[in-house]
Amino acid sequence: MVRTPEKQYLHYKNEADTLGLDLCDYYVYVMAMHHELPIPHYIQDRIDPAQYKLGA
């Protein structure tokens, strides 16, 4: 469980929706990108590789 600040929730939710991810998977995706780790296969299967970069 991740506690999201109320004022930031909508931003994160919109980013997750844009990628076609639920919020939990979005957090895993962002952490993997931030730490230069592989994106888990179950997330790769759900998003277009062209969208792997944040803000794409």
PDB file of N, CA and C in Angstrom:
ATOM      1  N   MET A   1       0.843  -1.182   0.000  1.00  0.00           N
ATOM      2  CA  MET A   1       0.000   0.000   0.000  1.00  0.00           C
ATOM      3  C   MET A   1       0.884   1.240   0.000  1.00  0.00           C
ATOM      4  N   VAL A   2       0.518   2.183  -0.818  1.00  0.00           N
ATOM      5  CA  VAL A   2       1.248   3.442  -0.902  1.00  0.00           C
ATOM      6  C   VAL A   2       0.292   4.566  -0.522  1.00  0.00           C
ATOM      7  N   ARG A   3       0.740   5.410   0.370  1.00  0.00           N
ATOM      8  CA  ARG A   3      -0.076   6.569   0.749  1.00  0.00           C
ATOM      9  C   ARG A   3       0.254   7.710  -0.200  1.00  0.00           C
ATOM     10  N   THR A   4      -0.733   8.159  -0.925  1.00  0.00           N
ATOM     11  CA  THR A   4      -0.551   9.238  -1.885  1.00  0.00           C
ATOM     12  C   THR A   4      -1.096  10.529  -1.292  1.00  0.00           C
ATOM     13  N   PRO A   5      -0.300  11.602  -1.300  1.00  0.00           N
ATOM     14  CA  PRO A   5      -0.825  12.879  -0.817  1.00  0.00           C
ATOM     15  C   PRO A   5      -2.071  13.267  -1.623  1.00  0.00           C
ATOM     16  N   GLU A   6      -3.085  13.711  -0.932  1.00  0.00           N
ATOM     17  CA  GLU A   6      -4.360  14.034  -1.567  1.00  0.00           C
ATOM     18  C   GLU A   6      -4.203  15.003  -2.738  1.00  0.00           C
ATOM     19  N   LYS A   7      -3.347  16.000  -2.582  1.00  0.00           N
ATOM     20  CA  LYS A   7      -3.174  17.005  -3.636  1.00  0.00           C
ATOM     21  C   LYS A   7      -2.452  16.448  -4.860  1.00  0.00           C
ATOM     22  N   GLN A   8      -1.780  15.306  -4.733  1.00  0.00           N
ATOM     23  CA  GLN A   8      -1.045  14.713  -5.852  1.00  0.00           C
ATOM     24  C   GLN A   8      -1.785  13.541  -6.490  1.00  0.00           C
ATOM     25  N   TYR A   9      -2.807  13.044  -5.814  1.00  0.00           N
ATOM     26  CA  TYR A   9      -3.493  11.837  -6.269  1.00  0.00           C
ATOM     27  C   TYR A   9      -3.977  11.944  -7.715  1.00  0.00           C
ATOM     28  N   LEU A  10      -4.678  13.008  -8.045  1.00  0.00           N
ATOM     29  CA  LEU A  10      -5.249  13.139  -9.381  1.00  0.00           C
ATOM     30  C   LEU A  10      -4.166  13.142 -10.459  1.00  0.00           C
ATOM     31  N   HIS A  11      -3.046  13.778 -10.186  1.00  0.00           N
ATOM     32  CA  HIS A  11      -1.940  13.785 -11.153  1.00  0.00           C
ATOM     33  C   HIS A  11      -1.459  12.362 -11.419  1.00  0.00           C
ATOM     34  N   TYR A  12      -1.184  11.611 -10.351  1.00  0.00           N
ATOM     35  CA  TYR A  12      -0.704  10.238 -10.508  1.00  0.00           C
ATOM     36  C   TYR A  12      -1.752   9.360 -11.181  1.00  0.00           C
ATOM     37  N   LYS A  13      -3.003   9.533 -10.811  1.00  0.00           N
ATOM     38  CA  LYS A  13      -4.086   8.741 -11.404  1.00  0.00           C
ATOM     39  C   LYS A  13      -4.196   9.018 -12.893  1.00  0.00           C
ATOM     40  N   ASN A  14      -4.088  10.276 -13.291  1.00  0.00           N
ATOM     41  CA  ASN A  14      -4.143  10.622 -14.715  1.00  0.00           C
ATOM     42  C   ASN A  14      -2.976  10.023 -15.485  1.00  0.00           C
ATOM     43  N   GLU A  15      -1.783  10.066 -14.906  1.00  0.00           N
ATOM     44  CA  GLU A  15      -0.614   9.460 -15.557  1.00  0.00           C
ATOM     45  C   GLU A  15      -0.810   7.954 -15.720  1.00  0.00           C
ATOM     46  N   ALA A  16      -1.311   7.307 -14.677  1.00  0.00           N
ATOM     47  CA  ALA A  16      -1.567   5.864 -14.736  1.00  0.00           C
ATOM     48  C   ALA A  16      -2.597   5.557 -15.818  1.00  0.00           C
ATOM     49  N   ASP A  17      -3.666   6.325 -15.865  1.00  0.00           N
ATOM     50  CA  ASP A  17      -4.709   6.110 -16.867  1.00  0.00           C
ATOM     51  C   ASP A  17      -4.165   6.280 -18.279  1.00  0.00           C
ATOM     52  N   THR A  18      -3.305   7.266 -18.478  1.00  0.00           N
ATOM     53  CA  THR A  18      -2.713   7.498 -19.788  1.00  0.00           C
ATOM     54  C   THR A  18      -1.927   6.281 -20.267  1.00  0.00           C
ATOM     55  N   LEU A  19      -1.257   5.618 -19.334  1.00  0.00           N
ATOM     56  CA  LEU A  19      -0.473   4.426 -19.675  1.00  0.00           C
ATOM     57  C   LEU A  19      -1.314   3.155 -19.695  1.00  0.00           C
ATOM     58  N   GLY A  20      -2.552   3.244 -19.254  1.00  0.00           N
ATOM     59  CA  GLY A  20      -3.405   2.061 -19.189  1.00  0.00           C
ATOM     60  C   GLY A  20      -3.098   1.168 -18.005  1.00  0.00           C
ATOM     61  N   LEU A  21      -2.566   1.769 -16.932  1.00  0.00           N
ATOM     62  CA  LEU A  21      -2.195   1.015 -15.737  1.00  0.00           C
ATOM     63  C   LEU A  21      -3.096   1.389 -14.577  1.00  0.00           C
ATOM     64  N   ASP A  22      -3.238   0.453 -13.636  1.00  0.00           N
ATOM     65  CA  ASP A  22      -3.876   0.849 -12.389  1.00  0.00           C
ATOM     66  C   ASP A  22      -2.816   1.574 -11.563  1.00  0.00           C
ATOM     67  N   LEU A  23      -3.237   2.238 -10.532  1.00  0.00           N
ATOM     68  CA  LEU A  23      -2.329   3.089  -9.768  1.00  0.00           C
ATOM     69  C   LEU A  23      -1.182   2.305  -9.137  1.00  0.00           C
ATOM     70  N   CYS A  24      -1.452   1.116  -8.629  1.00  0.00           N
ATOM     71  CA  CYS A  24      -0.387   0.309  -8.009  1.00  0.00           C
ATOM     72  C   CYS A  24       0.696  -0.048  -9.024  1.00  0.00           C
ATOM     73  N   ASP A  25       0.282  -0.475 -10.218  1.00  0.00           N
ATOM     74  CA  ASP A  25       1.262  -0.812 -11.250  1.00  0.00           C
ATOM     75  C   ASP A  25       2.014   0.434 -11.716  1.00  0.00           C
ATOM     76  N   TYR A  26       1.340   1.572 -11.733  1.00  0.00           N
ATOM     77  CA  TYR A  26       2.007   2.818 -12.103  1.00  0.00           C
ATOM     78  C   TYR A  26       3.137   3.134 -11.124  1.00  0.00           C
ATOM     79  N   TYR A  27       2.883   2.957  -9.835  1.00  0.00           N
ATOM     80  CA  TYR A  27       3.933   3.205  -8.844  1.00  0.00           C
ATOM     81  C   TYR A  27       5.123   2.273  -9.064  1.00  0.00           C
ATOM     82  N   VAL A  28       4.859   1.004  -9.363  1.00  0.00           N
ATOM     83  CA  VAL A  28       5.945   0.051  -9.632  1.00  0.00           C
ATOM     84  C   VAL A  28       6.715   0.487 -10.878  1.00  0.00           C
ATOM     85  N   TYR A  29       6.000   0.906 -11.899  1.00  0.00           N
ATOM     86  CA  TYR A  29       6.612   1.384 -13.137  1.00  0.00           C
ATOM     87  C   TYR A  29       7.536   2.580 -12.874  1.00  0.00           C
ATOM     88  N   VAL A  30       7.033   3.560 -12.136  1.00  0.00           N
ATOM     89  CA  VAL A  30       7.821   4.764 -11.839  1.00  0.00           C
ATOM     90  C   VAL A  30       9.068   4.414 -11.025  1.00  0.00           C
ATOM     91  N   MET A  31       8.916   3.534 -10.047  1.00  0.00           N
ATOM     92  CA  MET A  31      10.071   3.137  -9.223  1.00  0.00           C
ATOM     93  C   MET A  31      11.116   2.420 -10.073  1.00  0.00           C
ATOM     94  N   ALA A  32      10.678   1.541 -10.958  1.00  0.00           N
ATOM     95  CA  ALA A  32      11.617   0.833 -11.828  1.00  0.00           C
ATOM     96  C   ALA A  32      12.366   1.823 -12.715  1.00  0.00           C
ATOM     97  N   MET A  33      11.636   2.765 -13.306  1.00  0.00           N
ATOM     98  CA  MET A  33      12.280   3.767 -14.165  1.00  0.00           C
ATOM     99  C   MET A  33      13.267   4.612 -13.356  1.00  0.00           C
ATOM    100  N   HIS A  34      12.864   5.054 -12.193  1.00  0.00           N
ATOM    101  CA  HIS A  34      13.706   5.913 -11.361  1.00  0.00           C
ATOM    102  C   HIS A  34      15.006   5.215 -10.956  1.00  0.00           C
ATOM    103  N   HIS A  35      14.902   3.948 -10.636  1.00  0.00           N
ATOM    104  CA  HIS A  35      16.071   3.199 -10.161  1.00  0.00           C
ATOM    105  C   HIS A  35      16.787   2.449 -11.279  1.00  0.00           C
ATOM    106  N   GLU A  36      16.396   2.737 -12.526  1.00  0.00           N
ATOM    107  CA  GLU A  36      17.012   2.110 -13.698  1.00  0.00           C
ATOM    108  C   GLU A  36      16.986   0.587 -13.602  1.00  0.00           C
ATOM    109  N   LEU A  37      15.827   0.064 -13.196  1.00  0.00           N
ATOM    110  CA  LEU A  37      15.600  -1.375 -13.105  1.00  0.00           C
ATOM    111  C   LEU A  37      14.678  -1.799 -14.243  1.00  0.00           C
ATOM    112  N   PRO A  38      14.674  -3.084 -14.557  1.00  0.00           N
ATOM    113  CA  PRO A  38      13.776  -3.543 -15.620  1.00  0.00           C
ATOM    114  C   PRO A  38      12.310  -3.322 -15.236  1.00  0.00           C
ATOM    115  N   ILE A  39      11.529  -2.970 -16.229  1.00  0.00           N
ATOM    116  CA  ILE A  39      10.095  -2.831 -16.020  1.00  0.00           C
ATOM    117  C   ILE A  39       9.514  -4.246 -15.979  1.00  0.00           C
ATOM    118  N   PRO A  40       8.754  -4.594 -14.950  1.00  0.00           N
ATOM    119  CA  PRO A  40       8.203  -5.943 -14.854  1.00  0.00           C
ATOM    120  C   PRO A  40       7.396  -6.322 -16.106  1.00  0.00           C
ATOM    121  N   HIS A  41       7.488  -7.589 -16.479  1.00  0.00           N
ATOM    122  CA  HIS A  41       6.828  -8.061 -17.704  1.00  0.00           C
ATOM    123  C   HIS A  41       5.325  -7.810 -17.687  1.00  0.00           C
ATOM    124  N   TYR A  42       4.692  -7.926 -16.526  1.00  0.00           N
ATOM    125  CA  TYR A  42       3.240  -7.734 -16.472  1.00  0.00           C
ATOM    126  C   TYR A  42       2.852  -6.283 -16.719  1.00  0.00           C
ATOM    127  N   ILE A  43       3.798  -5.368 -16.552  1.00  0.00           N
ATOM    128  CA  ILE A  43       3.545  -3.965 -16.890  1.00  0.00           C
ATOM    129  C   ILE A  43       3.908  -3.723 -18.353  1.00  0.00           C
ATOM    130  N   GLN A  44       5.020  -4.278 -18.800  1.00  0.00           N
ATOM    131  CA  GLN A  44       5.412  -4.143 -20.207  1.00  0.00           C
ATOM    132  C   GLN A  44       4.305  -4.628 -21.131  1.00  0.00           C
ATOM    133  N   ASP A  45       3.629  -5.697 -20.731  1.00  0.00           N
ATOM    134  CA  ASP A  45       2.566  -6.267 -21.560  1.00  0.00           C
ATOM    135  C   ASP A  45       1.353  -5.347 -21.672  1.00  0.00           C
ATOM    136  N   ARG A  46       1.238  -4.383 -20.787  1.00  0.00           N
ATOM    137  CA  ARG A  46       0.047  -3.526 -20.753  1.00  0.00           C
ATOM    138  C   ARG A  46       0.247  -2.153 -21.382  1.00  0.00           C
ATOM    139  N   ILE A  47       1.500  -1.745 -21.609  1.00  0.00           N
ATOM    140  CA  ILE A  47       1.712  -0.405 -22.164  1.00  0.00           C
ATOM    141  C   ILE A  47       2.515  -0.472 -23.457  1.00  0.00           C
ATOM    142  N   ASP A  48       2.341   0.528 -24.282  1.00  0.00           N
ATOM    143  CA  ASP A  48       3.060   0.668 -25.539  1.00  0.00           C
ATOM    144  C   ASP A  48       4.503   1.068 -25.225  1.00  0.00           C
ATOM    145  N   PRO A  49       5.491   0.364 -25.803  1.00  0.00           N
ATOM    146  CA  PRO A  49       6.894   0.714 -25.523  1.00  0.00           C
ATOM    147  C   PRO A  49       7.228   2.185 -25.779  1.00  0.00           C
ATOM    148  N   ALA A  50       6.521   2.835 -26.678  1.00  0.00           N
ATOM    149  CA  ALA A  50       6.766   4.255 -26.950  1.00  0.00           C
ATOM    150  C   ALA A  50       6.391   5.123 -25.755  1.00  0.00           C
ATOM    151  N   GLN A  51       5.613   4.577 -24.814  1.00  0.00           N
ATOM    152  CA  GLN A  51       5.186   5.344 -23.648  1.00  0.00           C
ATOM    153  C   GLN A  51       6.036   5.052 -22.417  1.00  0.00           C
ATOM    154  N   TYR A  52       7.109   4.276 -22.542  1.00  0.00           N
ATOM    155  CA  TYR A  52       7.913   3.899 -21.381  1.00  0.00           C
ATOM    156  C   TYR A  52       8.516   5.095 -20.661  1.00  0.00           C
ATOM    157  N   LYS A  53       8.764   6.168 -21.380  1.00  0.00           N
ATOM    158  CA  LYS A  53       9.344   7.338 -20.726  1.00  0.00           C
ATOM    159  C   LYS A  53       8.239   8.144 -20.070  1.00  0.00           C
ATOM    160  N   LEU A  54       8.499   8.605 -18.863  1.00  0.00           N
ATOM    161  CA  LEU A  54       7.508   9.401 -18.141  1.00  0.00           C
ATOM    162  C   LEU A  54       7.189  10.668 -18.916  1.00  0.00           C
ATOM    163  N   GLY A  55       5.939  11.008 -18.934  1.00  0.00           N
ATOM    164  CA  GLY A  55       5.504  12.219 -19.612  1.00  0.00           C
ATOM    165  C   GLY A  55       5.369  12.068 -21.111  1.00  0.00           C
ATOM    166  N   ALA A  56       5.514  10.850 -21.622  1.00  0.00           N
ATOM    167  CA  ALA A  56       5.407  10.632 -23.072  1.00  0.00           C
ATOM    168  C   ALA A  56       3.973  10.771 -23.531  1.00  0.00           C
TER     169      ALA A  56
END
